[in-house]
Amino acid sequence: MNDRVFKHTEAHKLEDPERLKWLPPEEVLAHLRVGPGMKVADIGAGTGYFSIPIARAVGALGHVFAVDLQPEMLDLLRGKLDRPNAPDNVSLHQGVASQVPLPDRSVHMILYANIWHEIDDLDSTFREAVRISVLGGKIAILDWRDDCSAPPGPPQEHRISDGSVTSFLKGKGCGNLMCKRVGQFGYLVTADLNSAQT
């Protein structure tokens, strides 16, 4: 685990009510256009900030695969899923972005929320996204703008610009690229994986 990875000992920051103001999950979900029956991989799921609202959006016929490197994060998410009225269509998987423990062609969308800047091997990570995506699947990368200073978020030197993410995905042959600002400090890049090359 490199020094850019958000540590489980800081998990309380993910639960700060202020976060709901500067990064409203419903705003991100509106841009992602997740709907009933979709299967979504939330890579770097943390405590489920997006996993749980996505699970509600995809409904009983959909599924969220919450993947995180740190078992402690998954334990915190498990605790949330054990509460009354929690969604029951979320499964927990320990793994890294460059080696996702999911089957081939198993998801419609892969979300990397605020972890793209943490990843050492982007090429392997992208190959995994293509592998686990169904035909017609999408990739979504939410991360911190580099023109906003910390806090919140990682130090300036760890941030990756939206232009760099867009260029990376273009270089991999992704289509229908879209980039939007979300919340106060973030951007969201989405793209189709159809014509992507690994």
Foldseek 3Di string as FASTA:
>chain_A
DDPQDDDLVPLVVVVPPVCCQQFPLVQVCVVVVQAAQFEEEEEQCFLNNNPQVSLVRNPPNYAYEYEHQDVSRVVNNVVVCPDPPGRPRYDYYYDHLLDGPAAFQAGQEYEYAACPLVDDDVPSSVVVRNRNHHAFHKYKYKHFALVDADDVDDHSVSDDHPVRVVVVQVVQVWPPWDKDAGGDTMMMIMTTCNRGHD
